[in-house]
N, C-alpha and C. Protein backbone atom coordinates (compact mmCIF):
# COMPACT_ATOMS: atom_id res chain seq x y z
N MET A 1 75.23 125.46 98.78
CA MET A 1 76.27 124.66 98.16
C MET A 1 77.38 124.38 99.17
N GLN A 2 77.78 123.12 99.28
CA GLN A 2 78.81 122.73 100.24
C GLN A 2 80.18 123.21 99.78
N PRO A 3 81.03 123.66 100.71
CA PRO A 3 82.38 124.08 100.33
C PRO A 3 83.22 122.90 99.87
N ILE A 4 84.26 123.19 99.11
CA ILE A 4 85.20 122.17 98.65
C ILE A 4 86.12 121.84 99.82
N ARG A 5 86.11 120.59 100.25
CA ARG A 5 86.88 120.17 101.42
C ARG A 5 88.29 119.74 100.97
N ILE A 6 89.29 120.40 101.53
CA ILE A 6 90.66 120.29 101.02
C ILE A 6 91.61 119.74 102.09
N LEU A 7 92.50 118.86 101.64
CA LEU A 7 93.61 118.40 102.47
C LEU A 7 94.90 118.87 101.81
N ILE A 8 95.76 119.54 102.58
CA ILE A 8 97.07 119.98 102.10
C ILE A 8 98.10 118.91 102.44
N THR A 9 98.91 118.53 101.44
CA THR A 9 100.00 117.60 101.68
C THR A 9 101.30 118.23 101.19
N ASP A 10 102.12 118.70 102.11
CA ASP A 10 103.38 119.36 101.78
C ASP A 10 104.27 119.32 103.02
N ASP A 11 105.57 119.06 102.83
CA ASP A 11 106.45 118.95 103.98
C ASP A 11 107.05 120.28 104.43
N HIS A 12 106.72 121.37 103.76
CA HIS A 12 107.24 122.68 104.14
C HIS A 12 106.20 123.41 104.99
N THR A 13 106.54 123.65 106.25
CA THR A 13 105.60 124.24 107.20
C THR A 13 105.14 125.62 106.77
N LEU A 14 106.07 126.45 106.31
CA LEU A 14 105.70 127.82 105.93
C LEU A 14 104.80 127.83 104.69
N PHE A 15 105.02 126.90 103.78
CA PHE A 15 104.18 126.84 102.59
C PHE A 15 102.76 126.41 102.97
N ARG A 16 102.66 125.43 103.85
CA ARG A 16 101.33 125.02 104.32
C ARG A 16 100.64 126.17 105.04
N PHE A 17 101.41 126.95 105.78
CA PHE A 17 100.86 128.10 106.50
C PHE A 17 100.22 129.09 105.51
N GLY A 18 100.92 129.38 104.43
CA GLY A 18 100.38 130.29 103.42
C GLY A 18 99.13 129.75 102.76
N LEU A 19 99.13 128.47 102.42
CA LEU A 19 97.95 127.85 101.81
C LEU A 19 96.76 127.88 102.78
N ARG A 20 97.05 127.67 104.04
CA ARG A 20 96.00 127.67 105.05
C ARG A 20 95.23 128.98 105.06
N PHE A 21 95.95 130.09 105.00
CA PHE A 21 95.28 131.39 105.03
C PHE A 21 94.59 131.71 103.71
N LEU A 22 95.16 131.24 102.61
CA LEU A 22 94.50 131.44 101.32
C LEU A 22 93.16 130.73 101.30
N ILE A 23 93.13 129.50 101.77
CA ILE A 23 91.88 128.72 101.79
C ILE A 23 90.88 129.33 102.76
N LYS A 24 91.38 129.78 103.90
CA LYS A 24 90.50 130.36 104.92
C LYS A 24 89.77 131.58 104.40
N ASP A 25 90.41 132.34 103.50
CA ASP A 25 89.81 133.57 102.98
C ASP A 25 88.80 133.31 101.87
N ALA A 26 88.71 132.08 101.38
CA ALA A 26 87.79 131.77 100.28
C ALA A 26 86.54 131.10 100.86
N PRO A 27 85.37 131.70 100.72
CA PRO A 27 84.16 131.17 101.35
C PRO A 27 83.72 129.81 100.82
N ASP A 28 84.14 129.46 99.60
CA ASP A 28 83.71 128.18 99.02
C ASP A 28 84.72 127.06 99.25
N LEU A 29 85.77 127.34 100.05
CA LEU A 29 86.78 126.33 100.34
C LEU A 29 86.82 126.08 101.85
N GLU A 30 87.14 124.83 102.20
CA GLU A 30 87.27 124.47 103.61
C GLU A 30 88.48 123.57 103.80
N LEU A 31 89.41 123.98 104.66
CA LEU A 31 90.57 123.16 104.97
C LEU A 31 90.18 122.15 106.04
N VAL A 32 90.34 120.86 105.71
CA VAL A 32 89.96 119.82 106.68
C VAL A 32 91.16 119.15 107.32
N GLY A 33 92.37 119.36 106.76
CA GLY A 33 93.53 118.73 107.36
C GLY A 33 94.81 119.06 106.61
N GLU A 34 95.94 118.74 107.25
CA GLU A 34 97.27 118.95 106.68
C GLU A 34 98.13 117.74 106.95
N ALA A 35 98.95 117.39 105.97
CA ALA A 35 99.88 116.27 106.12
C ALA A 35 101.25 116.71 105.66
N ALA A 36 102.28 116.27 106.36
CA ALA A 36 103.65 116.60 106.00
C ALA A 36 104.36 115.41 105.34
N GLN A 37 103.73 114.24 105.35
CA GLN A 37 104.30 113.03 104.77
C GLN A 37 103.24 112.26 104.00
N GLY A 38 103.72 111.43 103.06
CA GLY A 38 102.79 110.68 102.24
C GLY A 38 101.93 109.71 103.02
N GLU A 39 102.54 108.97 103.94
CA GLU A 39 101.78 108.01 104.73
C GLU A 39 100.71 108.71 105.55
N GLU A 40 101.03 109.89 106.06
CA GLU A 40 100.06 110.66 106.84
C GLU A 40 98.89 111.10 105.95
N ALA A 41 99.20 111.47 104.71
CA ALA A 41 98.15 111.87 103.78
C ALA A 41 97.18 110.73 103.50
N LEU A 42 97.72 109.51 103.33
CA LEU A 42 96.86 108.36 103.09
C LEU A 42 95.92 108.13 104.27
N ARG A 43 96.47 108.24 105.46
CA ARG A 43 95.65 108.02 106.66
C ARG A 43 94.57 109.09 106.80
N LEU A 44 94.95 110.36 106.59
CA LEU A 44 93.99 111.45 106.76
C LEU A 44 92.90 111.42 105.69
N CYS A 45 93.24 110.99 104.49
CA CYS A 45 92.22 110.89 103.45
C CYS A 45 91.19 109.83 103.80
N GLN A 46 91.63 108.75 104.42
CA GLN A 46 90.70 107.73 104.86
C GLN A 46 89.80 108.25 105.97
N GLU A 47 90.37 109.03 106.88
CA GLU A 47 89.61 109.51 108.04
C GLU A 47 88.70 110.70 107.69
N LEU A 48 89.22 111.65 106.90
CA LEU A 48 88.54 112.93 106.70
C LEU A 48 87.71 113.00 105.41
N LYS A 49 87.99 112.13 104.45
CA LYS A 49 87.27 112.09 103.18
C LYS A 49 87.20 113.48 102.52
N PRO A 50 88.34 114.08 102.22
CA PRO A 50 88.31 115.39 101.53
C PRO A 50 87.82 115.23 100.09
N ASP A 51 87.45 116.36 99.50
CA ASP A 51 87.08 116.36 98.08
C ASP A 51 88.31 116.47 97.19
N LEU A 52 89.34 117.14 97.71
CA LEU A 52 90.51 117.47 96.89
C LEU A 52 91.75 117.51 97.78
N VAL A 53 92.85 117.02 97.21
CA VAL A 53 94.14 117.08 97.91
C VAL A 53 95.08 117.98 97.11
N LEU A 54 95.66 118.97 97.78
CA LEU A 54 96.77 119.73 97.21
C LEU A 54 98.03 118.96 97.52
N MET A 55 98.67 118.41 96.48
CA MET A 55 99.72 117.41 96.67
C MET A 55 101.07 117.90 96.18
N ASP A 56 102.06 117.92 97.07
CA ASP A 56 103.43 118.17 96.66
C ASP A 56 104.00 116.89 96.05
N VAL A 57 104.95 117.03 95.14
CA VAL A 57 105.58 115.86 94.54
C VAL A 57 106.64 115.29 95.47
N SER A 58 107.51 116.16 95.97
CA SER A 58 108.65 115.72 96.77
C SER A 58 108.27 115.69 98.25
N LEU A 59 108.08 114.49 98.75
CA LEU A 59 107.73 114.30 100.15
C LEU A 59 108.71 113.32 100.78
N PRO A 60 108.98 113.44 102.08
CA PRO A 60 109.83 112.45 102.74
C PRO A 60 109.14 111.09 102.77
N GLY A 61 109.91 110.03 102.55
CA GLY A 61 109.31 108.70 102.51
C GLY A 61 108.61 108.48 101.18
N MET A 62 107.36 108.16 101.21
CA MET A 62 106.56 107.95 100.00
C MET A 62 106.32 109.29 99.30
N ASP A 63 106.71 109.39 98.02
CA ASP A 63 106.55 110.68 97.35
C ASP A 63 105.10 110.89 96.90
N GLY A 64 104.82 112.12 96.44
CA GLY A 64 103.45 112.49 96.09
C GLY A 64 102.86 111.68 94.96
N MET A 65 103.71 111.20 94.04
CA MET A 65 103.23 110.39 92.94
C MET A 65 102.69 109.05 93.45
N ASP A 66 103.46 108.41 94.30
CA ASP A 66 103.03 107.11 94.84
C ASP A 66 101.80 107.26 95.74
N VAL A 67 101.77 108.35 96.49
CA VAL A 67 100.60 108.62 97.33
C VAL A 67 99.36 108.76 96.46
N THR A 68 99.49 109.52 95.38
CA THR A 68 98.35 109.74 94.49
C THR A 68 97.87 108.45 93.86
N ARG A 69 98.79 107.61 93.43
CA ARG A 69 98.41 106.33 92.83
C ARG A 69 97.56 105.52 93.82
N GLN A 70 98.00 105.46 95.06
CA GLN A 70 97.25 104.70 96.07
C GLN A 70 95.91 105.35 96.38
N LEU A 71 95.90 106.68 96.48
CA LEU A 71 94.65 107.38 96.77
C LEU A 71 93.61 107.13 95.68
N LYS A 72 94.06 107.17 94.43
CA LYS A 72 93.12 106.97 93.32
C LYS A 72 92.58 105.55 93.29
N GLN A 73 93.38 104.60 93.74
CA GLN A 73 92.90 103.22 93.82
C GLN A 73 91.87 103.06 94.94
N GLN A 74 92.10 103.76 96.05
CA GLN A 74 91.22 103.65 97.20
C GLN A 74 89.98 104.52 97.08
N GLN A 75 90.14 105.73 96.52
CA GLN A 75 89.04 106.70 96.42
C GLN A 75 89.05 107.30 95.01
N PRO A 76 88.51 106.60 94.02
CA PRO A 76 88.60 107.06 92.62
C PRO A 76 88.02 108.46 92.39
N ASP A 77 87.05 108.89 93.19
CA ASP A 77 86.43 110.20 92.98
C ASP A 77 87.21 111.35 93.63
N LEU A 78 88.22 111.03 94.39
CA LEU A 78 89.03 112.06 95.03
C LEU A 78 89.84 112.81 93.98
N ARG A 79 89.83 114.14 94.05
CA ARG A 79 90.59 114.96 93.11
C ARG A 79 91.96 115.28 93.70
N VAL A 80 92.99 115.25 92.85
CA VAL A 80 94.35 115.56 93.29
C VAL A 80 94.93 116.65 92.38
N LEU A 81 95.28 117.77 92.99
CA LEU A 81 95.91 118.88 92.27
C LEU A 81 97.36 118.96 92.74
N PHE A 82 98.29 118.62 91.86
CA PHE A 82 99.70 118.72 92.22
C PHE A 82 100.11 120.18 92.30
N LEU A 83 100.85 120.51 93.33
CA LEU A 83 101.36 121.86 93.56
C LEU A 83 102.84 121.70 93.83
N THR A 84 103.68 122.03 92.85
CA THR A 84 105.07 121.62 92.89
C THR A 84 105.99 122.64 92.23
N MET A 85 107.27 122.50 92.48
CA MET A 85 108.27 123.35 91.85
C MET A 85 108.82 122.73 90.57
N HIS A 86 108.47 121.47 90.29
CA HIS A 86 109.04 120.74 89.16
C HIS A 86 108.33 121.13 87.85
N GLU A 87 109.09 121.72 86.94
CA GLU A 87 108.53 122.21 85.68
C GLU A 87 108.85 121.28 84.51
N GLU A 88 109.47 120.14 84.79
CA GLU A 88 109.91 119.24 83.73
C GLU A 88 108.75 118.40 83.21
N GLU A 89 108.82 118.09 81.91
CA GLU A 89 107.78 117.27 81.28
C GLU A 89 107.67 115.90 81.92
N SER A 90 108.81 115.32 82.32
CA SER A 90 108.78 113.97 82.90
C SER A 90 107.92 113.93 84.16
N TYR A 91 108.00 114.96 84.98
CA TYR A 91 107.17 115.00 86.18
C TYR A 91 105.70 115.16 85.82
N LEU A 92 105.42 116.03 84.85
CA LEU A 92 104.04 116.26 84.44
C LEU A 92 103.41 114.97 83.91
N LEU A 93 104.12 114.26 83.03
CA LEU A 93 103.56 113.05 82.45
C LEU A 93 103.36 111.96 83.51
N ARG A 94 104.28 111.89 84.46
CA ARG A 94 104.11 110.91 85.53
C ARG A 94 102.91 111.27 86.41
N ALA A 95 102.75 112.58 86.67
CA ALA A 95 101.60 113.02 87.47
C ALA A 95 100.29 112.63 86.80
N LEU A 96 100.23 112.76 85.49
CA LEU A 96 99.02 112.37 84.77
C LEU A 96 98.84 110.85 84.79
N ALA A 97 99.95 110.13 84.69
CA ALA A 97 99.87 108.67 84.65
C ALA A 97 99.34 108.09 85.96
N VAL A 98 99.65 108.72 87.09
CA VAL A 98 99.18 108.19 88.38
C VAL A 98 97.78 108.68 88.73
N GLY A 99 97.19 109.52 87.86
CA GLY A 99 95.82 109.94 88.10
C GLY A 99 95.64 111.36 88.55
N GLY A 100 96.70 112.19 88.49
CA GLY A 100 96.57 113.59 88.87
C GLY A 100 95.55 114.32 88.03
N ASP A 101 94.80 115.22 88.64
CA ASP A 101 93.75 115.96 87.94
C ASP A 101 94.20 117.36 87.53
N GLY A 102 95.35 117.79 88.00
CA GLY A 102 95.87 119.10 87.66
C GLY A 102 97.30 119.22 88.11
N TYR A 103 97.99 120.24 87.59
CA TYR A 103 99.42 120.38 87.88
C TYR A 103 99.75 121.87 87.86
N LEU A 104 99.99 122.42 89.03
CA LEU A 104 100.31 123.85 89.16
C LEU A 104 101.71 124.01 89.75
N LEU A 105 102.42 125.02 89.27
CA LEU A 105 103.72 125.34 89.83
C LEU A 105 103.54 126.20 91.08
N LYS A 106 104.49 126.09 91.99
CA LYS A 106 104.35 126.77 93.27
C LYS A 106 104.50 128.30 93.17
N ASP A 107 104.92 128.79 92.02
CA ASP A 107 104.98 130.24 91.86
C ASP A 107 103.67 130.81 91.31
N ALA A 108 102.63 129.99 91.28
CA ALA A 108 101.32 130.45 90.78
C ALA A 108 100.79 131.59 91.64
N GLN A 109 100.10 132.52 91.00
CA GLN A 109 99.44 133.59 91.73
C GLN A 109 98.21 133.06 92.46
N ARG A 110 97.76 133.82 93.45
CA ARG A 110 96.64 133.41 94.28
C ARG A 110 95.41 133.07 93.45
N GLU A 111 95.06 133.94 92.50
CA GLU A 111 93.85 133.70 91.71
C GLU A 111 93.99 132.48 90.82
N GLU A 112 95.21 132.22 90.35
CA GLU A 112 95.42 131.03 89.53
C GLU A 112 95.25 129.77 90.36
N LEU A 113 95.75 129.78 91.59
CA LEU A 113 95.60 128.63 92.46
C LEU A 113 94.14 128.38 92.80
N LEU A 114 93.41 129.44 93.11
CA LEU A 114 91.99 129.29 93.41
C LEU A 114 91.23 128.75 92.20
N ALA A 115 91.56 129.27 91.02
CA ALA A 115 90.91 128.78 89.81
C ALA A 115 91.22 127.31 89.58
N GLY A 116 92.47 126.90 89.87
CA GLY A 116 92.84 125.51 89.70
C GLY A 116 92.09 124.59 90.66
N ILE A 117 91.97 125.02 91.90
CA ILE A 117 91.24 124.23 92.89
C ILE A 117 89.79 124.05 92.45
N ARG A 118 89.15 125.14 92.07
CA ARG A 118 87.73 125.08 91.70
C ARG A 118 87.51 124.27 90.43
N SER A 119 88.40 124.42 89.46
CA SER A 119 88.27 123.68 88.21
C SER A 119 88.43 122.18 88.44
N VAL A 120 89.47 121.79 89.15
CA VAL A 120 89.72 120.37 89.42
C VAL A 120 88.60 119.77 90.25
N ALA A 121 88.09 120.53 91.23
CA ALA A 121 86.99 120.03 92.07
C ALA A 121 85.75 119.74 91.24
N MET A 122 85.58 120.46 90.13
CA MET A 122 84.43 120.25 89.25
C MET A 122 84.69 119.19 88.18
N GLY A 123 85.87 118.57 88.24
CA GLY A 123 86.17 117.51 87.29
C GLY A 123 86.84 117.97 86.02
N ARG A 124 87.33 119.22 86.00
CA ARG A 124 88.01 119.75 84.81
C ARG A 124 89.51 119.85 85.09
N PRO A 125 90.36 119.26 84.25
CA PRO A 125 91.81 119.35 84.47
C PRO A 125 92.28 120.80 84.45
N TYR A 126 93.35 121.08 85.18
CA TYR A 126 93.89 122.44 85.24
C TYR A 126 95.41 122.37 85.34
N PHE A 127 96.09 123.20 84.53
CA PHE A 127 97.54 123.19 84.50
C PHE A 127 98.07 124.62 84.46
N SER A 128 99.28 124.79 85.00
CA SER A 128 99.97 126.06 84.85
C SER A 128 100.20 126.33 83.37
N PRO A 129 100.25 127.60 82.96
CA PRO A 129 100.48 127.90 81.53
C PRO A 129 101.70 127.19 80.96
N ALA A 130 102.80 127.13 81.72
CA ALA A 130 104.00 126.46 81.22
C ALA A 130 103.74 124.98 80.97
N MET A 131 102.88 124.38 81.78
CA MET A 131 102.55 122.97 81.61
C MET A 131 101.65 122.75 80.39
N TYR A 132 100.77 123.71 80.14
CA TYR A 132 99.95 123.64 78.92
C TYR A 132 100.85 123.65 77.68
N VAL A 133 101.90 124.46 77.72
CA VAL A 133 102.83 124.52 76.59
C VAL A 133 103.48 123.16 76.38
N LEU A 134 103.92 122.52 77.46
CA LEU A 134 104.54 121.21 77.36
C LEU A 134 103.57 120.17 76.80
N LEU A 135 102.32 120.21 77.28
CA LEU A 135 101.32 119.26 76.80
C LEU A 135 101.03 119.47 75.31
N THR A 136 100.97 120.73 74.90
CA THR A 136 100.71 121.03 73.49
C THR A 136 101.86 120.55 72.62
N GLN A 137 103.09 120.80 73.08
CA GLN A 137 104.25 120.34 72.32
C GLN A 137 104.26 118.82 72.20
N ARG A 138 103.92 118.14 73.29
CA ARG A 138 103.87 116.69 73.28
C ARG A 138 102.81 116.19 72.31
N TYR A 139 101.63 116.83 72.32
CA TYR A 139 100.55 116.43 71.42
C TYR A 139 100.97 116.60 69.97
N ILE A 140 101.59 117.73 69.65
CA ILE A 140 102.02 117.98 68.27
C ILE A 140 103.07 116.96 67.84
N GLN A 141 104.01 116.67 68.74
CA GLN A 141 105.04 115.69 68.43
C GLN A 141 104.43 114.32 68.16
N ASP A 142 103.50 113.90 69.02
CA ASP A 142 102.86 112.60 68.83
C ASP A 142 102.06 112.56 67.53
N ALA A 143 101.37 113.68 67.25
CA ALA A 143 100.55 113.74 66.04
C ALA A 143 101.40 113.61 64.79
N ARG A 144 102.59 114.15 64.84
CA ARG A 144 103.45 114.14 63.65
C ARG A 144 104.23 112.84 63.48
N HIS A 145 104.57 112.22 64.59
CA HIS A 145 105.52 111.11 64.50
C HIS A 145 105.00 109.78 65.01
N HIS A 146 103.93 109.79 65.80
CA HIS A 146 103.54 108.55 66.46
C HIS A 146 102.09 108.14 66.21
N ILE A 147 101.46 108.68 65.20
CA ILE A 147 100.09 108.27 64.89
C ILE A 147 100.13 106.87 64.30
N ALA A 148 99.41 105.98 64.91
CA ALA A 148 99.37 104.61 64.42
C ALA A 148 98.59 104.54 63.11
N PRO A 149 98.98 103.66 62.20
CA PRO A 149 98.22 103.51 60.97
C PRO A 149 96.81 103.02 61.26
N THR A 150 95.89 103.37 60.38
CA THR A 150 94.52 102.94 60.56
C THR A 150 94.43 101.43 60.50
N PRO A 151 93.88 100.80 61.53
CA PRO A 151 93.84 99.33 61.55
C PRO A 151 92.89 98.80 60.48
N GLN A 152 93.15 97.54 60.10
CA GLN A 152 92.26 96.88 59.15
C GLN A 152 90.96 96.53 59.86
N MET A 153 89.86 97.08 59.41
CA MET A 153 88.58 96.88 60.06
C MET A 153 87.91 95.60 59.57
N VAL A 154 87.26 94.92 60.50
CA VAL A 154 86.45 93.76 60.15
C VAL A 154 85.01 94.23 59.98
N PRO A 155 84.38 94.03 58.83
CA PRO A 155 83.00 94.48 58.67
C PRO A 155 82.07 93.74 59.62
N ILE A 156 81.22 94.51 60.30
CA ILE A 156 80.28 93.92 61.26
C ILE A 156 78.87 94.20 60.78
N LYS A 157 78.05 93.15 60.67
CA LYS A 157 76.71 93.29 60.12
C LYS A 157 75.67 92.92 61.15
N GLY A 158 74.45 93.37 60.91
CA GLY A 158 73.32 92.92 61.68
C GLY A 158 73.31 93.34 63.14
N MET A 159 74.04 94.41 63.50
CA MET A 159 74.17 94.78 64.90
C MET A 159 73.64 96.17 65.19
N ALA A 160 73.20 96.90 64.19
CA ALA A 160 72.82 98.30 64.38
C ALA A 160 71.74 98.48 65.43
N ALA A 161 70.83 97.52 65.53
CA ALA A 161 69.73 97.64 66.48
C ALA A 161 70.19 97.37 67.91
N ARG A 162 71.36 96.76 68.06
CA ARG A 162 71.81 96.36 69.38
C ARG A 162 72.92 97.26 69.93
N LEU A 163 73.75 97.79 69.05
CA LEU A 163 74.90 98.57 69.49
C LEU A 163 74.86 99.98 68.90
N THR A 164 75.38 100.93 69.64
CA THR A 164 75.50 102.29 69.12
C THR A 164 76.63 102.33 68.10
N GLN A 165 76.69 103.43 67.34
CA GLN A 165 77.75 103.59 66.35
C GLN A 165 79.11 103.56 67.01
N ARG A 166 79.24 104.24 68.16
CA ARG A 166 80.53 104.28 68.86
C ARG A 166 80.91 102.89 69.38
N GLU A 167 79.93 102.14 69.88
CA GLU A 167 80.22 100.79 70.36
C GLU A 167 80.69 99.89 69.22
N GLN A 168 80.09 100.06 68.03
CA GLN A 168 80.55 99.28 66.88
C GLN A 168 81.98 99.64 66.51
N GLU A 169 82.31 100.95 66.59
CA GLU A 169 83.67 101.38 66.28
C GLU A 169 84.67 100.78 67.27
N VAL A 170 84.32 100.82 68.54
CA VAL A 170 85.20 100.25 69.56
C VAL A 170 85.36 98.75 69.34
N LEU A 171 84.28 98.07 69.04
CA LEU A 171 84.35 96.63 68.80
C LEU A 171 85.25 96.31 67.61
N GLN A 172 85.13 97.09 66.55
CA GLN A 172 85.98 96.87 65.37
C GLN A 172 87.46 97.00 65.73
N LEU A 173 87.77 97.98 66.57
CA LEU A 173 89.16 98.20 66.94
C LEU A 173 89.66 97.12 67.92
N ILE A 174 88.77 96.60 68.75
CA ILE A 174 89.13 95.46 69.60
C ILE A 174 89.47 94.27 68.72
N VAL A 175 88.64 94.01 67.73
CA VAL A 175 88.88 92.90 66.80
C VAL A 175 90.21 93.10 66.07
N ALA A 176 90.56 94.36 65.79
CA ALA A 176 91.81 94.67 65.10
C ALA A 176 93.02 94.51 66.01
N GLY A 177 92.78 94.20 67.30
CA GLY A 177 93.88 93.93 68.21
C GLY A 177 94.42 95.13 68.95
N GLN A 178 93.67 96.25 68.95
CA GLN A 178 94.17 97.44 69.61
C GLN A 178 93.88 97.41 71.11
N THR A 179 94.78 98.00 71.88
CA THR A 179 94.59 98.15 73.32
C THR A 179 93.65 99.32 73.59
N ASN A 180 93.23 99.47 74.86
CA ASN A 180 92.38 100.60 75.23
C ASN A 180 93.06 101.92 74.91
N ALA A 181 94.35 102.03 75.20
CA ALA A 181 95.07 103.28 74.93
C ALA A 181 95.11 103.58 73.44
N GLU A 182 95.34 102.55 72.62
CA GLU A 182 95.39 102.76 71.17
C GLU A 182 94.02 103.13 70.63
N ILE A 183 92.96 102.48 71.14
CA ILE A 183 91.60 102.82 70.70
C ILE A 183 91.28 104.26 71.09
N ALA A 184 91.69 104.66 72.29
CA ALA A 184 91.42 106.03 72.75
C ALA A 184 92.08 107.04 71.81
N ARG A 185 93.33 106.79 71.43
CA ARG A 185 94.02 107.71 70.53
C ARG A 185 93.35 107.73 69.16
N HIS A 186 92.94 106.57 68.69
CA HIS A 186 92.34 106.49 67.35
C HIS A 186 90.99 107.23 67.28
N LEU A 187 90.20 107.12 68.36
CA LEU A 187 88.86 107.72 68.36
C LEU A 187 88.82 109.08 69.07
N PHE A 188 89.97 109.53 69.58
CA PHE A 188 90.06 110.82 70.28
C PHE A 188 89.13 110.86 71.50
N ILE A 189 89.16 109.78 72.28
CA ILE A 189 88.42 109.72 73.53
C ILE A 189 89.38 109.23 74.61
N SER A 190 88.96 109.21 75.87
CA SER A 190 89.84 108.80 76.96
C SER A 190 89.83 107.28 77.09
N PRO A 191 90.93 106.70 77.63
CA PRO A 191 90.96 105.25 77.89
C PRO A 191 89.82 104.81 78.81
N ARG A 192 89.44 105.67 79.76
CA ARG A 192 88.34 105.32 80.66
C ARG A 192 87.03 105.19 79.88
N THR A 193 86.82 106.08 78.89
CA THR A 193 85.61 105.98 78.06
C THR A 193 85.63 104.71 77.23
N VAL A 194 86.80 104.36 76.72
CA VAL A 194 86.93 103.10 75.98
C VAL A 194 86.54 101.92 76.86
N ASP A 195 87.02 101.93 78.10
CA ASP A 195 86.71 100.85 79.03
C ASP A 195 85.21 100.78 79.31
N THR A 196 84.57 101.95 79.40
CA THR A 196 83.11 101.98 79.59
C THR A 196 82.39 101.35 78.40
N HIS A 197 82.83 101.69 77.18
CA HIS A 197 82.22 101.10 75.98
C HIS A 197 82.45 99.59 75.95
N ARG A 198 83.64 99.16 76.34
CA ARG A 198 83.95 97.73 76.35
C ARG A 198 83.02 96.99 77.34
N THR A 199 82.82 97.60 78.50
CA THR A 199 81.93 97.01 79.50
C THR A 199 80.49 96.94 78.99
N ASN A 200 80.04 98.02 78.35
CA ASN A 200 78.68 98.05 77.80
C ASN A 200 78.50 96.99 76.72
N LEU A 201 79.53 96.82 75.89
CA LEU A 201 79.46 95.79 74.86
C LEU A 201 79.26 94.41 75.47
N MET A 202 80.05 94.10 76.47
CA MET A 202 79.95 92.79 77.10
C MET A 202 78.58 92.59 77.75
N HIS A 203 78.06 93.67 78.37
CA HIS A 203 76.75 93.57 79.01
C HIS A 203 75.65 93.35 77.98
N LYS A 204 75.65 94.14 76.90
CA LYS A 204 74.60 94.02 75.89
C LYS A 204 74.63 92.67 75.18
N LEU A 205 75.84 92.16 74.95
CA LEU A 205 75.97 90.94 74.18
C LEU A 205 76.08 89.69 75.06
N ASN A 206 76.06 89.91 76.40
CA ASN A 206 76.20 88.80 77.35
C ASN A 206 77.48 88.00 77.08
N ILE A 207 78.56 88.75 76.90
CA ILE A 207 79.88 88.18 76.65
C ILE A 207 80.80 88.65 77.78
N HIS A 208 81.70 87.77 78.24
CA HIS A 208 82.42 88.06 79.47
C HIS A 208 83.92 88.27 79.30
N ASN A 209 84.42 88.25 78.07
CA ASN A 209 85.85 88.49 77.88
C ASN A 209 86.10 89.00 76.46
N THR A 210 87.32 89.47 76.24
CA THR A 210 87.67 90.04 74.94
C THR A 210 87.63 88.99 73.84
N ALA A 211 88.08 87.80 74.15
CA ALA A 211 88.06 86.73 73.14
C ALA A 211 86.64 86.48 72.64
N GLY A 212 85.68 86.54 73.58
CA GLY A 212 84.29 86.35 73.19
C GLY A 212 83.79 87.46 72.28
N LEU A 213 84.21 88.70 72.56
CA LEU A 213 83.83 89.83 71.70
C LEU A 213 84.37 89.64 70.28
N VAL A 214 85.64 89.24 70.19
CA VAL A 214 86.25 89.03 68.88
C VAL A 214 85.53 87.92 68.13
N ARG A 215 85.25 86.82 68.81
CA ARG A 215 84.56 85.68 68.17
C ARG A 215 83.17 86.11 67.68
N PHE A 216 82.44 86.89 68.51
CA PHE A 216 81.13 87.35 68.14
C PHE A 216 81.18 88.21 66.89
N ALA A 217 82.14 89.16 66.87
CA ALA A 217 82.25 90.07 65.73
C ALA A 217 82.58 89.33 64.45
N LEU A 218 83.47 88.36 64.55
CA LEU A 218 83.84 87.60 63.36
C LEU A 218 82.66 86.76 62.87
N GLU A 219 81.89 86.21 63.80
CA GLU A 219 80.69 85.46 63.40
C GLU A 219 79.70 86.37 62.69
N GLN A 220 79.52 87.60 63.19
CA GLN A 220 78.61 88.55 62.56
C GLN A 220 79.09 88.91 61.16
N ALA A 221 80.41 89.08 61.02
CA ALA A 221 80.95 89.45 59.72
C ALA A 221 80.77 88.34 58.70
N ALA A 222 80.72 87.11 59.18
CA ALA A 222 80.58 85.98 58.27
C ALA A 222 79.14 85.74 57.84
N CYS A 223 78.18 86.42 58.52
CA CYS A 223 76.76 86.18 58.20
C CYS A 223 76.42 86.72 56.82
């Protein structure tokens, strides 16, 4: 099994030094490079193709959030684990919005950091316990106060042989005028999964835009 190839991005020399030795002691991890600035991280990711970036938020010049946004656009499969001192919800939510795969505080213990690296490298999000608390509180708040009413569904007929049940649900919500984010919340799936279903719908039905999907569904309902 190949080791997880890691790039450290942090402007504090002593902190990078500590991470370097932690990674060196783990047989399944490999340090491939270090960056002290955001622009340097972008360049090294292009050159070295790491599997995962340990990303500080506060960097000179381009900050870690902007770096991550660009990295995710250029290399969608690259994993980014934020390693930061910022414990505020606003930073956490922004980190998620730009595509961060995990968020650990810099006071994390060695085993917690290793677990975070391994989890994120495998495609599983990982957060410091304090960040889990913030996410849970946010979820409860949204569930209590911001749940959108159930949209009016358009009955769709004659499509069972062509579309899966989930695809029909997504199509109904598209017809109801919901965005990908709203559909994701309604069906308890990710916006990326919604986008995949939308793409599959267009491919199966040979339709190339949302207006065409809506027109098709309404025609089916009228049959």
